[in-house]
Amino acid sequence: MWAYCLVKVAPLLALAPNWRQLLTSAATDEQIRTFRDHERTGRALGGDAFQKRLEKKLGRVLRRQKPGPKRAGTT
């Protein structure tokens, strides 16, 4: 079983103990709508803490901002 050298299995099993069931189950209409909304806007799909971690790692704002021109001296 050389594959276990490439992947840490425990974290994946903690996310989804039954991968076969997860991968063969259908997404709900609400989940599909949410996926498509985020795909269309290009914004990350996840909670506030997840988005903040991504912003910190990428060094840029990912969440929706107030529209319009930015005031001088603000970022």
PDB file of N, CA and C in Angstrom:
ATOM      1  N   MET A   1       0.829  -1.193   0.000  1.00  0.00           N
ATOM      2  CA  MET A   1       0.000   0.000   0.000  1.00  0.00           C
ATOM      3  C   MET A   1       0.868   1.249   0.000  1.00  0.00           C
ATOM      4  N   TRP A   2       1.556   1.521  -1.075  1.00  0.00           N
ATOM      5  CA  TRP A   2       2.436   2.676  -1.183  1.00  0.00           C
ATOM      6  C   TRP A   2       1.675   3.994  -1.201  1.00  0.00           C
ATOM      7  N   ALA A   3       0.366   3.974  -1.534  1.00  0.00           N
ATOM      8  CA  ALA A   3      -0.420   5.212  -1.606  1.00  0.00           C
ATOM      9  C   ALA A   3      -0.486   5.918  -0.261  1.00  0.00           C
ATOM     10  N   TYR A   4      -0.415   5.167   0.822  1.00  0.00           N
ATOM     11  CA  TYR A   4      -0.492   5.780   2.141  1.00  0.00           C
ATOM     12  C   TYR A   4       0.741   6.626   2.454  1.00  0.00           C
ATOM     13  N   CYS A   5       1.789   6.461   1.687  1.00  0.00           N
ATOM     14  CA  CYS A   5       2.978   7.303   1.848  1.00  0.00           C
ATOM     15  C   CYS A   5       2.744   8.686   1.254  1.00  0.00           C
ATOM     16  N   LEU A   6       1.821   8.796   0.307  1.00  0.00           N
ATOM     17  CA  LEU A   6       1.580  10.051  -0.392  1.00  0.00           C
ATOM     18  C   LEU A   6       0.529  10.929   0.276  1.00  0.00           C
ATOM     19  N   VAL A   7      -0.372  10.330   1.035  1.00  0.00           N
ATOM     20  CA  VAL A   7      -1.510  11.057   1.594  1.00  0.00           C
ATOM     21  C   VAL A   7      -1.638  10.745   3.076  1.00  0.00           C
ATOM     22  N   LYS A   8      -1.915  11.760   3.854  1.00  0.00           N
ATOM     23  CA  LYS A   8      -2.251  11.545   5.259  1.00  0.00           C
ATOM     24  C   LYS A   8      -3.740  11.224   5.321  1.00  0.00           C
ATOM     25  N   VAL A   9      -4.081   9.989   5.627  1.00  0.00           N
ATOM     26  CA  VAL A   9      -5.444   9.491   5.534  1.00  0.00           C
ATOM     27  C   VAL A   9      -6.330  10.000   6.666  1.00  0.00           C
ATOM     28  N   ALA A  10      -5.826  10.104   7.866  1.00  0.00           N
ATOM     29  CA  ALA A  10      -6.649  10.452   9.030  1.00  0.00           C
ATOM     30  C   ALA A  10      -7.407  11.768   8.855  1.00  0.00           C
ATOM     31  N   PRO A  11      -6.790  12.852   8.374  1.00  0.00           N
ATOM     32  CA  PRO A  11      -7.561  14.096   8.206  1.00  0.00           C
ATOM     33  C   PRO A  11      -8.706  13.956   7.198  1.00  0.00           C
ATOM     34  N   LEU A  12      -8.479  13.160   6.150  1.00  0.00           N
ATOM     35  CA  LEU A  12      -9.537  12.956   5.153  1.00  0.00           C
ATOM     36  C   LEU A  12     -10.686  12.141   5.728  1.00  0.00           C
ATOM     37  N   LEU A  13     -10.360  11.142   6.513  1.00  0.00           N
ATOM     38  CA  LEU A  13     -11.409  10.340   7.148  1.00  0.00           C
ATOM     39  C   LEU A  13     -12.171  11.140   8.188  1.00  0.00           C
ATOM     40  N   ALA A  14     -11.512  12.107   8.814  1.00  0.00           N
ATOM     41  CA  ALA A  14     -12.202  12.973   9.778  1.00  0.00           C
ATOM     42  C   ALA A  14     -13.221  13.858   9.060  1.00  0.00           C
ATOM     43  N   LEU A  15     -12.909  14.284   7.837  1.00  0.00           N
ATOM     44  CA  LEU A  15     -13.842  15.104   7.060  1.00  0.00           C
ATOM     45  C   LEU A  15     -15.041  14.304   6.591  1.00  0.00           C
ATOM     46  N   ALA A  16     -14.788  13.101   6.107  1.00  0.00           N
ATOM     47  CA  ALA A  16     -15.855  12.261   5.567  1.00  0.00           C
ATOM     48  C   ALA A  16     -15.498  10.801   5.828  1.00  0.00           C
ATOM     49  N   PRO A  17     -16.049  10.224   6.889  1.00  0.00           N
ATOM     50  CA  PRO A  17     -15.716   8.837   7.223  1.00  0.00           C
ATOM     51  C   PRO A  17     -16.126   7.839   6.134  1.00  0.00           C
ATOM     52  N   ASN A  18     -17.191   8.142   5.380  1.00  0.00           N
ATOM     53  CA  ASN A  18     -17.669   7.231   4.343  1.00  0.00           C
ATOM     54  C   ASN A  18     -17.588   7.930   2.987  1.00  0.00           C
ATOM     55  N   TRP A  19     -16.423   7.862   2.356  1.00  0.00           N
ATOM     56  CA  TRP A  19     -16.200   8.561   1.088  1.00  0.00           C
ATOM     57  C   TRP A  19     -17.069   8.002  -0.036  1.00  0.00           C
ATOM     58  N   ARG A  20     -17.301   6.701  -0.041  1.00  0.00           N
ATOM     59  CA  ARG A  20     -18.139   6.105  -1.083  1.00  0.00           C
ATOM     60  C   ARG A  20     -19.535   6.721  -1.050  1.00  0.00           C
ATOM     61  N   GLN A  21     -20.100   6.841   0.129  1.00  0.00           N
ATOM     62  CA  GLN A  21     -21.427   7.442   0.272  1.00  0.00           C
ATOM     63  C   GLN A  21     -21.399   8.920  -0.144  1.00  0.00           C
ATOM     64  N   LEU A  22     -20.379   9.645   0.280  1.00  0.00           N
ATOM     65  CA  LEU A  22     -20.262  11.059  -0.073  1.00  0.00           C
ATOM     66  C   LEU A  22     -20.188  11.264  -1.586  1.00  0.00           C
ATOM     67  N   LEU A  23     -19.356  10.475  -2.245  1.00  0.00           N
ATOM     68  CA  LEU A  23     -19.139  10.662  -3.675  1.00  0.00           C
ATOM     69  C   LEU A  23     -20.292  10.150  -4.538  1.00  0.00           C
ATOM     70  N   THR A  24     -21.111   9.270  -4.011  1.00  0.00           N
ATOM     71  CA  THR A  24     -22.241   8.759  -4.789  1.00  0.00           C
ATOM     72  C   THR A  24     -23.547   9.454  -4.442  1.00  0.00           C
ATOM     73  N   SER A  25     -23.547  10.321  -3.447  1.00  0.00           N
ATOM     74  CA  SER A  25     -24.771  11.031  -3.087  1.00  0.00           C
ATOM     75  C   SER A  25     -24.924  12.270  -3.971  1.00  0.00           C
ATOM     76  N   ALA A  26     -26.160  12.624  -4.230  1.00  0.00           N
ATOM     77  CA  ALA A  26     -26.445  13.779  -5.084  1.00  0.00           C
ATOM     78  C   ALA A  26     -26.471  15.061  -4.248  1.00  0.00           C
ATOM     79  N   ALA A  27     -26.037  16.142  -4.852  1.00  0.00           N
ATOM     80  CA  ALA A  27     -26.112  17.449  -4.192  1.00  0.00           C
ATOM     81  C   ALA A  27     -27.560  17.939  -4.245  1.00  0.00           C
ATOM     82  N   THR A  28     -27.962  18.674  -3.215  1.00  0.00           N
ATOM     83  CA  THR A  28     -29.310  19.226  -3.182  1.00  0.00           C
ATOM     84  C   THR A  28     -29.390  20.421  -4.132  1.00  0.00           C
ATOM     85  N   ASP A  29     -30.610  20.815  -4.472  1.00  0.00           N
ATOM     86  CA  ASP A  29     -30.793  21.986  -5.335  1.00  0.00           C
ATOM     87  C   ASP A  29     -30.172  23.232  -4.706  1.00  0.00           C
ATOM     88  N   GLU A  30     -30.305  23.372  -3.393  1.00  0.00           N
ATOM     89  CA  GLU A  30     -29.726  24.524  -2.683  1.00  0.00           C
ATOM     90  C   GLU A  30     -28.200  24.511  -2.778  1.00  0.00           C
ATOM     91  N   GLN A  31     -27.587  23.339  -2.623  1.00  0.00           N
ATOM     92  CA  GLN A  31     -26.130  23.238  -2.738  1.00  0.00           C
ATOM     93  C   GLN A  31     -25.669  23.586  -4.152  1.00  0.00           C
ATOM     94  N   ILE A  32     -26.375  23.099  -5.145  1.00  0.00           N
ATOM     95  CA  ILE A  32     -26.026  23.397  -6.539  1.00  0.00           C
ATOM     96  C   ILE A  32     -26.150  24.889  -6.813  1.00  0.00           C
ATOM     97  N   ARG A  33     -27.198  25.512  -6.292  1.00  0.00           N
ATOM     98  CA  ARG A  33     -27.392  26.957  -6.468  1.00  0.00           C
ATOM     99  C   ARG A  33     -26.238  27.722  -5.821  1.00  0.00           C
ATOM    100  N   THR A  34     -25.844  27.311  -4.623  1.00  0.00           N
ATOM    101  CA  THR A  34     -24.740  27.961  -3.916  1.00  0.00           C
ATOM    102  C   THR A  34     -23.433  27.797  -4.693  1.00  0.00           C
ATOM    103  N   PHE A  35     -23.155  26.578  -5.167  1.00  0.00           N
ATOM    104  CA  PHE A  35     -21.948  26.334  -5.966  1.00  0.00           C
ATOM    105  C   PHE A  35     -21.925  27.238  -7.188  1.00  0.00           C
ATOM    106  N   ARG A  36     -23.040  27.314  -7.883  1.00  0.00           N
ATOM    107  CA  ARG A  36     -23.102  28.116  -9.114  1.00  0.00           C
ATOM    108  C   ARG A  36     -22.951  29.608  -8.835  1.00  0.00           C
ATOM    109  N   ASP A  37     -23.534  30.077  -7.739  1.00  0.00           N
ATOM    110  CA  ASP A  37     -23.374  31.489  -7.366  1.00  0.00           C
ATOM    111  C   ASP A  37     -21.905  31.829  -7.149  1.00  0.00           C
ATOM    112  N   HIS A  38     -21.207  30.976  -6.427  1.00  0.00           N
ATOM    113  CA  HIS A  38     -19.793  31.233  -6.137  1.00  0.00           C
ATOM    114  C   HIS A  38     -18.928  31.030  -7.366  1.00  0.00           C
ATOM    115  N   GLU A  39     -19.303  30.092  -8.214  1.00  0.00           N
ATOM    116  CA  GLU A  39     -18.567  29.883  -9.459  1.00  0.00           C
ATOM    117  C   GLU A  39     -18.701  31.114 -10.362  1.00  0.00           C
ATOM    118  N   ARG A  40     -19.905  31.671 -10.417  1.00  0.00           N
ATOM    119  CA  ARG A  40     -20.157  32.835 -11.272  1.00  0.00           C
ATOM    120  C   ARG A  40     -19.386  34.070 -10.793  1.00  0.00           C
ATOM    121  N   THR A  41     -19.362  34.291  -9.478  1.00  0.00           N
ATOM    122  CA  THR A  41     -18.702  35.481  -8.950  1.00  0.00           C
ATOM    123  C   THR A  41     -17.196  35.294  -8.772  1.00  0.00           C
ATOM    124  N   GLY A  42     -16.755  34.033  -8.699  1.00  0.00           N
ATOM    125  CA  GLY A  42     -15.341  33.763  -8.475  1.00  0.00           C
ATOM    126  C   GLY A  42     -14.930  33.921  -7.019  1.00  0.00           C
ATOM    127  N   ARG A  43     -15.898  34.077  -6.130  1.00  0.00           N
ATOM    128  CA  ARG A  43     -15.593  34.226  -4.701  1.00  0.00           C
ATOM    129  C   ARG A  43     -15.476  32.855  -4.036  1.00  0.00           C
ATOM    130  N   ALA A  44     -14.642  32.790  -3.027  1.00  0.00           N
ATOM    131  CA  ALA A  44     -14.435  31.533  -2.307  1.00  0.00           C
ATOM    132  C   ALA A  44     -15.714  31.101  -1.596  1.00  0.00           C
ATOM    133  N   LEU A  45     -15.966  29.817  -1.616  1.00  0.00           N
ATOM    134  CA  LEU A  45     -17.115  29.248  -0.917  1.00  0.00           C
ATOM    135  C   LEU A  45     -16.631  28.715   0.419  1.00  0.00           C
ATOM    136  N   GLY A  46     -17.058  29.336   1.491  1.00  0.00           N
ATOM    137  CA  GLY A  46     -16.657  28.913   2.823  1.00  0.00           C
ATOM    138  C   GLY A  46     -17.051  29.958   3.837  1.00  0.00           C
ATOM    139  N   GLY A  47     -16.895  29.610   5.078  1.00  0.00           N
ATOM    140  CA  GLY A  47     -17.246  30.503   6.165  1.00  0.00           C
ATOM    141  C   GLY A  47     -16.283  31.679   6.286  1.00  0.00           C
ATOM    142  N   ASP A  48     -16.608  32.580   7.198  1.00  0.00           N
ATOM    143  CA  ASP A  48     -15.819  33.790   7.394  1.00  0.00           C
ATOM    144  C   ASP A  48     -14.372  33.465   7.779  1.00  0.00           C
ATOM    145  N   ALA A  49     -14.199  32.511   8.702  1.00  0.00           N
ATOM    146  CA  ALA A  49     -12.844  32.155   9.147  1.00  0.00           C
ATOM    147  C   ALA A  49     -12.030  31.583   7.986  1.00  0.00           C
ATOM    148  N   PHE A  50     -12.650  30.749   7.160  1.00  0.00           N
ATOM    149  CA  PHE A  50     -11.979  30.166   6.001  1.00  0.00           C
ATOM    150  C   PHE A  50     -11.550  31.259   5.021  1.00  0.00           C
ATOM    151  N   GLN A  51     -12.447  32.194   4.747  1.00  0.00           N
ATOM    152  CA  GLN A  51     -12.138  33.267   3.814  1.00  0.00           C
ATOM    153  C   GLN A  51     -11.033  34.168   4.354  1.00  0.00           C
ATOM    154  N   LYS A  52     -11.040  34.435   5.640  1.00  0.00           N
ATOM    155  CA  LYS A  52      -9.975  35.257   6.239  1.00  0.00           C
ATOM    156  C   LYS A  52      -8.621  34.562   6.124  1.00  0.00           C
ATOM    157  N   ARG A  53      -8.589  33.227   6.337  1.00  0.00           N
ATOM    158  CA  ARG A  53      -7.334  32.486   6.184  1.00  0.00           C
ATOM    159  C   ARG A  53      -6.830  32.567   4.749  1.00  0.00           C
ATOM    160  N   LEU A  54      -7.737  32.405   3.790  1.00  0.00           N
ATOM    161  CA  LEU A  54      -7.343  32.518   2.380  1.00  0.00           C
ATOM    162  C   LEU A  54      -6.797  33.903   2.072  1.00  0.00           C
ATOM    163  N   GLU A  55      -7.473  34.937   2.548  1.00  0.00           N
ATOM    164  CA  GLU A  55      -7.018  36.309   2.308  1.00  0.00           C
ATOM    165  C   GLU A  55      -5.621  36.524   2.873  1.00  0.00           C
ATOM    166  N   LYS A  56      -5.390  36.006   4.053  1.00  0.00           N
ATOM    167  CA  LYS A  56      -4.082  36.175   4.683  1.00  0.00           C
ATOM    168  C   LYS A  56      -3.001  35.451   3.880  1.00  0.00           C
ATOM    169  N   LYS A  57      -3.294  34.219   3.443  1.00  0.00           N
ATOM    170  CA  LYS A  57      -2.310  33.461   2.663  1.00  0.00           C
ATOM    171  C   LYS A  57      -2.039  34.092   1.302  1.00  0.00           C
ATOM    172  N   LEU A  58      -3.089  34.612   0.674  1.00  0.00           N
ATOM    173  CA  LEU A  58      -2.938  35.171  -0.671  1.00  0.00           C
ATOM    174  C   LEU A  58      -2.529  36.638  -0.673  1.00  0.00           C
ATOM    175  N   GLY A  59      -2.705  37.304   0.466  1.00  0.00           N
ATOM    176  CA  GLY A  59      -2.340  38.712   0.558  1.00  0.00           C
ATOM    177  C   GLY A  59      -3.269  39.626  -0.216  1.00  0.00           C
ATOM    178  N   ARG A  60      -4.539  39.240  -0.337  1.00  0.00           N
ATOM    179  CA  ARG A  60      -5.509  40.082  -1.045  1.00  0.00           C
ATOM    180  C   ARG A  60      -6.907  39.834  -0.497  1.00  0.00           C
ATOM    181  N   VAL A  61      -7.791  40.788  -0.715  1.00  0.00           N
ATOM    182  CA  VAL A  61      -9.169  40.700  -0.245  1.00  0.00           C
ATOM    183  C   VAL A  61      -9.969  39.831  -1.200  1.00  0.00           C
ATOM    184  N   LEU A  62     -10.689  38.857  -0.666  1.00  0.00           N
ATOM    185  CA  LEU A  62     -11.513  37.972  -1.480  1.00  0.00           C
ATOM    186  C   LEU A  62     -13.002  38.220  -1.276  1.00  0.00           C
ATOM    187  N   ARG A  63     -13.348  38.706  -0.099  1.00  0.00           N
ATOM    188  CA  ARG A  63     -14.769  38.917   0.206  1.00  0.00           C
ATOM    189  C   ARG A  63     -15.307  40.148  -0.507  1.00  0.00           C
ATOM    190  N   ARG A  64     -16.614  40.168  -0.692  1.00  0.00           N
ATOM    191  CA  ARG A  64     -17.257  41.292  -1.369  1.00  0.00           C
ATOM    192  C   ARG A  64     -17.017  42.583  -0.595  1.00  0.00           C
ATOM    193  N   GLN A  65     -16.680  43.625  -1.328  1.00  0.00           N
ATOM    194  CA  GLN A  65     -16.421  44.937  -0.746  1.00  0.00           C
ATOM    195  C   GLN A  65     -17.522  45.902  -1.157  1.00  0.00           C
ATOM    196  N   LYS A  66     -17.573  47.019  -0.495  1.00  0.00           N
ATOM    197  CA  LYS A  66     -18.523  48.072  -0.832  1.00  0.00           C
ATOM    198  C   LYS A  66     -18.221  48.563  -2.250  1.00  0.00           C
ATOM    199  N   PRO A  67     -19.232  48.657  -3.108  1.00  0.00           N
ATOM    200  CA  PRO A  67     -18.979  49.095  -4.485  1.00  0.00           C
ATOM    201  C   PRO A  67     -18.638  50.584  -4.569  1.00  0.00           C
ATOM    202  N   GLY A  68     -18.053  50.961  -5.682  1.00  0.00           N
ATOM    203  CA  GLY A  68     -17.731  52.370  -5.920  1.00  0.00           C
ATOM    204  C   GLY A  68     -16.275  52.669  -5.717  1.00  0.00           C
ATOM    205  N   PRO A  69     -15.881  53.902  -6.050  1.00  0.00           N
ATOM    206  CA  PRO A  69     -14.471  54.284  -5.913  1.00  0.00           C
ATOM    207  C   PRO A  69     -14.058  54.314  -4.441  1.00  0.00           C
ATOM    208  N   LYS A  70     -12.803  54.003  -4.223  1.00  0.00           N
ATOM    209  CA  LYS A  70     -12.257  53.990  -2.861  1.00  0.00           C
ATOM    210  C   LYS A  70     -11.772  55.389  -2.506  1.00  0.00           C
ATOM    211  N   ARG A  71     -11.914  55.742  -1.253  1.00  0.00           N
ATOM    212  CA  ARG A  71     -11.448  57.048  -0.794  1.00  0.00           C
ATOM    213  C   ARG A  71      -9.929  57.057  -0.724  1.00  0.00           C
ATOM    214  N   ALA A  72      -9.361  58.204  -0.962  1.00  0.00           N
ATOM    215  CA  ALA A  72      -7.911  58.348  -0.919  1.00  0.00           C
ATOM    216  C   ALA A  72      -7.392  58.016   0.475  1.00  0.00           C
ATOM    217  N   GLY A  73      -6.284  57.271   0.534  1.00  0.00           N
ATOM    218  CA  GLY A  73      -5.664  56.952   1.810  1.00  0.00           C
ATOM    219  C   GLY A  73      -6.216  55.708   2.486  1.00  0.00           C
ATOM    220  N   THR A  74      -7.184  55.023   1.882  1.00  0.00           N
ATOM    221  CA  THR A  74      -7.703  53.780   2.465  1.00  0.00           C
ATOM    222  C   THR A  74      -7.362  52.622   1.543  1.00  0.00           C
ATOM    223  N   THR A  75      -7.257  51.431   2.130  1.00  0.00           N
ATOM    224  CA  THR A  75      -6.977  50.252   1.310  1.00  0.00           C
ATOM    225  C   THR A  75      -8.085  49.267   1.423  1.00  0.00           C
TER     226      THR A  75
END
